[in-house]
Amino acid sequence: MAIILGIDPGSRITGYGVINAVGGQREYIASGHVKISGNELPARLGQIYRAVDELIETYIPQQFAIEKVFMARNADSALKLGQARGVAMVAAVNHGLPVSEYSARQVKQAVVGQGGAEKEQVQHMVARILKLPGLPQADAADALAIALTHANTQASLVRLAASQAPGRQQLQAHLDALQSRGVRRGRIR
């Protein structure tokens, strides 16, 4: 069982999604978005930090996933997004959570099956995967998709490690058998 908090950062709206991943099953816990008010960036960053901190204290996740910064056409917007990501990640690290990052393209590929998917497609697939009664709000859907991407990535890594473990054991058994016959480093004694 792993409770995963996914964050879709933004300096005006930050989406969040919380899921429980058990084996191949994905269970919806909560989602929503935090509207950030004010004009001063430091105050808005403080709101994001406090919101993420509160989410972590409320849902007690074991893992934290966040969307990577993409280079937008507007450098100022990209910098603000990077700062919003930064304060969200600091909140996670302050709680001892491991932080995983995924690009928007990776998330869309993992949830919809194509990296260039539209937001509406992500909303629809998130609702289907988590068996939601309706479509989640766009930022919440993105955060849930980030959490789903993380759950699926972790499950794939576990399967990969498990599939390689018997191979290592077989190799070690073979090397042990060779060693018992006096074969070492390609030479016979």
Protein backbone atom coordinates (compact mmCIF):
# COMPACT_ATOMS: atom_id res chain seq x y z
CA MET A 1 0.00 0.00 0.00
CA ALA A 2 1.32 3.45 -0.90
CA ILE A 3 -0.53 6.71 -0.53
CA ILE A 4 0.75 9.08 -3.20
CA LEU A 5 0.28 12.84 -3.30
CA GLY A 6 0.48 14.28 -6.81
CA ILE A 7 0.94 18.01 -7.31
CA ASP A 8 0.29 20.09 -10.42
CA PRO A 9 2.07 23.29 -9.41
CA GLY A 10 1.07 26.78 -10.43
CA SER A 11 1.59 30.26 -9.05
CA ARG A 12 -2.16 30.99 -9.30
CA ILE A 13 -3.77 27.52 -9.04
CA THR A 14 -2.07 24.44 -7.64
CA GLY A 15 -3.84 21.12 -8.20
CA TYR A 16 -3.53 18.13 -5.90
CA GLY A 17 -4.52 14.49 -6.12
CA VAL A 18 -4.21 11.74 -3.54
CA ILE A 19 -4.45 8.06 -4.46
CA ASN A 20 -3.76 4.74 -2.80
CA ALA A 21 -1.78 2.29 -4.90
CA VAL A 22 -2.06 -1.35 -3.84
CA GLY A 23 -0.48 -3.77 -6.30
CA GLY A 24 -2.15 -3.01 -9.62
CA GLN A 25 -5.16 -1.34 -8.01
CA ARG A 26 -5.52 2.44 -7.85
CA GLU A 27 -7.96 3.94 -5.36
CA TYR A 28 -9.08 7.57 -5.31
CA ILE A 29 -8.74 9.31 -1.96
CA ALA A 30 -9.04 13.05 -2.65
CA SER A 31 -8.34 15.80 -5.14
CA GLY A 32 -8.88 19.50 -5.64
CA HIS A 33 -7.07 22.71 -6.24
CA VAL A 34 -5.83 25.61 -4.18
CA LYS A 35 -6.48 29.09 -5.57
CA ILE A 36 -3.58 31.33 -4.72
CA SER A 37 -4.50 34.94 -4.00
CA GLY A 38 -2.54 38.17 -3.91
CA ASN A 39 -0.15 39.93 -6.21
CA GLU A 40 3.13 39.57 -4.34
CA LEU A 41 5.02 36.43 -5.36
CA PRO A 42 6.57 35.72 -1.93
CA ALA A 43 3.13 35.72 -0.31
CA ARG A 44 1.74 33.43 -3.01
CA LEU A 45 4.68 31.04 -2.58
CA GLY A 46 3.98 31.00 1.15
CA GLN A 47 0.36 30.02 0.44
CA ILE A 48 1.50 27.15 -1.77
CA TYR A 49 3.93 25.92 0.88
CA ARG A 50 1.27 26.03 3.62
CA ALA A 51 -1.32 24.32 1.40
CA VAL A 52 1.03 21.44 0.46
CA ASP A 53 2.18 21.15 4.08
CA GLU A 54 -1.46 20.87 5.20
CA LEU A 55 -2.22 18.26 2.52
CA ILE A 56 0.72 16.17 3.70
CA GLU A 57 -0.38 16.44 7.32
CA THR A 58 -3.98 15.56 6.41
CA TYR A 59 -3.44 12.59 4.08
CA ILE A 60 -0.04 11.36 5.37
CA PRO A 61 1.29 10.18 1.98
CA GLN A 62 4.34 7.93 1.70
CA GLN A 63 5.32 9.28 -1.72
CA PHE A 64 5.22 12.65 -3.47
CA ALA A 65 5.13 13.27 -7.22
CA ILE A 66 5.19 16.60 -9.03
CA GLU A 67 5.20 17.83 -12.60
CA LYS A 68 8.51 19.03 -14.03
CA VAL A 69 8.89 22.55 -15.36
CA PHE A 70 8.48 22.89 -19.08
CA MET A 71 10.00 25.84 -20.90
CA ALA A 72 7.07 28.04 -21.78
CA ARG A 73 7.22 30.83 -24.31
CA ASN A 74 7.21 33.28 -21.43
CA ALA A 75 10.39 32.98 -19.35
CA ASP A 76 8.82 34.91 -16.44
CA SER A 77 5.99 32.37 -16.24
CA ALA A 78 8.47 29.49 -16.32
CA LEU A 79 10.45 31.04 -13.46
CA LYS A 80 7.32 31.51 -11.34
CA LEU A 81 6.28 27.92 -12.04
CA GLY A 82 9.74 26.76 -10.99
CA GLN A 83 9.44 28.67 -7.74
CA ALA A 84 5.98 27.21 -7.08
CA ARG A 85 7.42 23.72 -7.66
CA GLY A 86 10.30 24.51 -5.35
CA VAL A 87 8.18 25.45 -2.35
CA ALA A 88 5.95 22.40 -2.88
CA MET A 89 9.01 20.14 -2.98
CA VAL A 90 10.45 21.78 0.15
CA ALA A 91 7.20 21.01 1.98
CA ALA A 92 7.52 17.36 0.92
CA VAL A 93 11.19 17.12 1.86
CA ASN A 94 10.49 18.73 5.25
CA HIS A 95 8.13 15.80 5.90
CA GLY A 96 10.77 13.28 4.80
CA LEU A 97 8.94 12.31 1.61
CA PRO A 98 10.79 11.10 -1.46
CA VAL A 99 10.13 13.46 -4.39
CA SER A 100 9.63 12.14 -7.93
CA GLU A 101 9.29 14.37 -10.98
CA TYR A 102 7.53 13.67 -14.29
CA SER A 103 7.23 15.77 -17.42
CA ALA A 104 3.80 16.66 -18.76
CA ARG A 105 4.55 14.47 -21.78
CA GLN A 106 5.39 11.46 -19.55
CA VAL A 107 2.16 11.93 -17.59
CA LYS A 108 0.02 12.16 -20.73
CA GLN A 109 1.75 9.12 -22.22
CA ALA A 110 1.24 7.10 -19.04
CA VAL A 111 -2.42 8.01 -18.53
CA VAL A 112 -3.79 8.57 -22.04
CA GLY A 113 -1.30 6.64 -24.17
CA GLN A 114 0.00 9.59 -26.15
CA GLY A 115 2.28 12.38 -24.99
CA GLY A 116 0.44 15.08 -26.92
CA ALA A 117 -2.97 14.42 -25.35
CA GLU A 118 -5.34 17.29 -24.57
CA LYS A 119 -6.34 18.23 -21.00
CA GLU A 120 -9.87 16.89 -21.59
CA GLN A 121 -8.46 13.49 -22.54
CA VAL A 122 -6.44 13.41 -19.32
CA GLN A 123 -9.55 14.31 -17.30
CA HIS A 124 -11.57 11.57 -18.99
CA MET A 125 -8.93 8.85 -18.50
CA VAL A 126 -8.31 9.82 -14.86
CA ALA A 127 -12.05 9.54 -14.20
CA ARG A 128 -12.15 6.11 -15.88
CA ILE A 129 -9.05 4.71 -14.20
CA LEU A 130 -10.14 5.84 -10.74
CA LYS A 131 -13.83 5.06 -11.38
CA LEU A 132 -14.94 8.59 -10.51
CA PRO A 133 -18.60 9.55 -10.94
CA GLY A 134 -17.66 12.64 -12.98
CA LEU A 135 -14.75 14.52 -14.45
CA PRO A 136 -12.39 16.12 -11.92
CA GLN A 137 -11.49 19.79 -12.24
CA ALA A 138 -8.61 20.23 -14.75
CA ASP A 139 -5.81 21.00 -12.27
CA ALA A 140 -6.99 18.24 -9.93
CA ALA A 141 -7.12 15.81 -12.87
CA ASP A 142 -3.54 16.71 -13.79
CA ALA A 143 -2.41 16.12 -10.19
CA LEU A 144 -4.23 12.76 -10.08
CA ALA A 145 -2.59 11.86 -13.41
CA ILE A 146 0.82 12.69 -11.93
CA ALA A 147 0.08 10.42 -8.94
CA LEU A 148 -1.09 7.64 -11.29
CA THR A 149 2.05 8.02 -13.40
CA HIS A 150 4.17 7.67 -10.29
CA ALA A 151 2.24 4.60 -9.09
CA ASN A 152 2.61 2.92 -12.48
CA THR A 153 6.30 3.83 -12.76
CA GLN A 154 7.02 2.41 -9.31
CA ALA A 155 5.07 -0.78 -10.11
CA SER A 156 7.06 -1.19 -13.34
CA LEU A 157 10.34 -0.76 -11.50
CA VAL A 158 9.32 -3.39 -8.94
CA ARG A 159 8.34 -5.83 -11.72
CA LEU A 160 11.62 -5.17 -13.52
CA ALA A 161 13.66 -5.80 -10.37
CA ALA A 162 11.71 -8.99 -9.66
CA SER A 163 12.20 -10.25 -13.20
CA GLN A 164 15.94 -9.68 -13.00
CA ALA A 165 16.40 -11.21 -9.56
CA PRO A 166 15.96 -14.86 -10.68
CA GLY A 167 18.45 -14.22 -13.49
CA ARG A 168 21.03 -13.05 -10.99
CA GLN A 169 20.36 -16.04 -8.78
CA GLN A 170 20.75 -18.40 -11.73
CA LEU A 171 23.97 -16.67 -12.77
CA GLN A 172 25.35 -16.87 -9.24
CA ALA A 173 24.42 -20.58 -9.03
CA HIS A 174 26.19 -21.17 -12.35
CA LEU A 175 29.30 -19.30 -11.16
CA ASP A 176 29.27 -21.24 -7.88
CA ALA A 177 29.08 -24.52 -9.82
CA LEU A 178 32.01 -23.49 -12.01
CA GLN A 179 34.00 -22.42 -8.98
CA SER A 180 33.39 -25.76 -7.27
CA ARG A 181 34.90 -27.45 -10.35
CA GLY A 182 37.96 -25.24 -10.18
CA VAL A 183 37.03 -22.76 -12.91
CA ARG A 184 37.90 -19.16 -12.00
CA ARG A 185 37.91 -16.07 -14.14
CA GLY A 186 37.83 -18.09 -17.32
CA ARG A 187 40.75 -20.36 -16.38
CA ILE A 188 40.74 -23.98 -15.35
CA ARG A 189 42.93 -24.94 -12.42
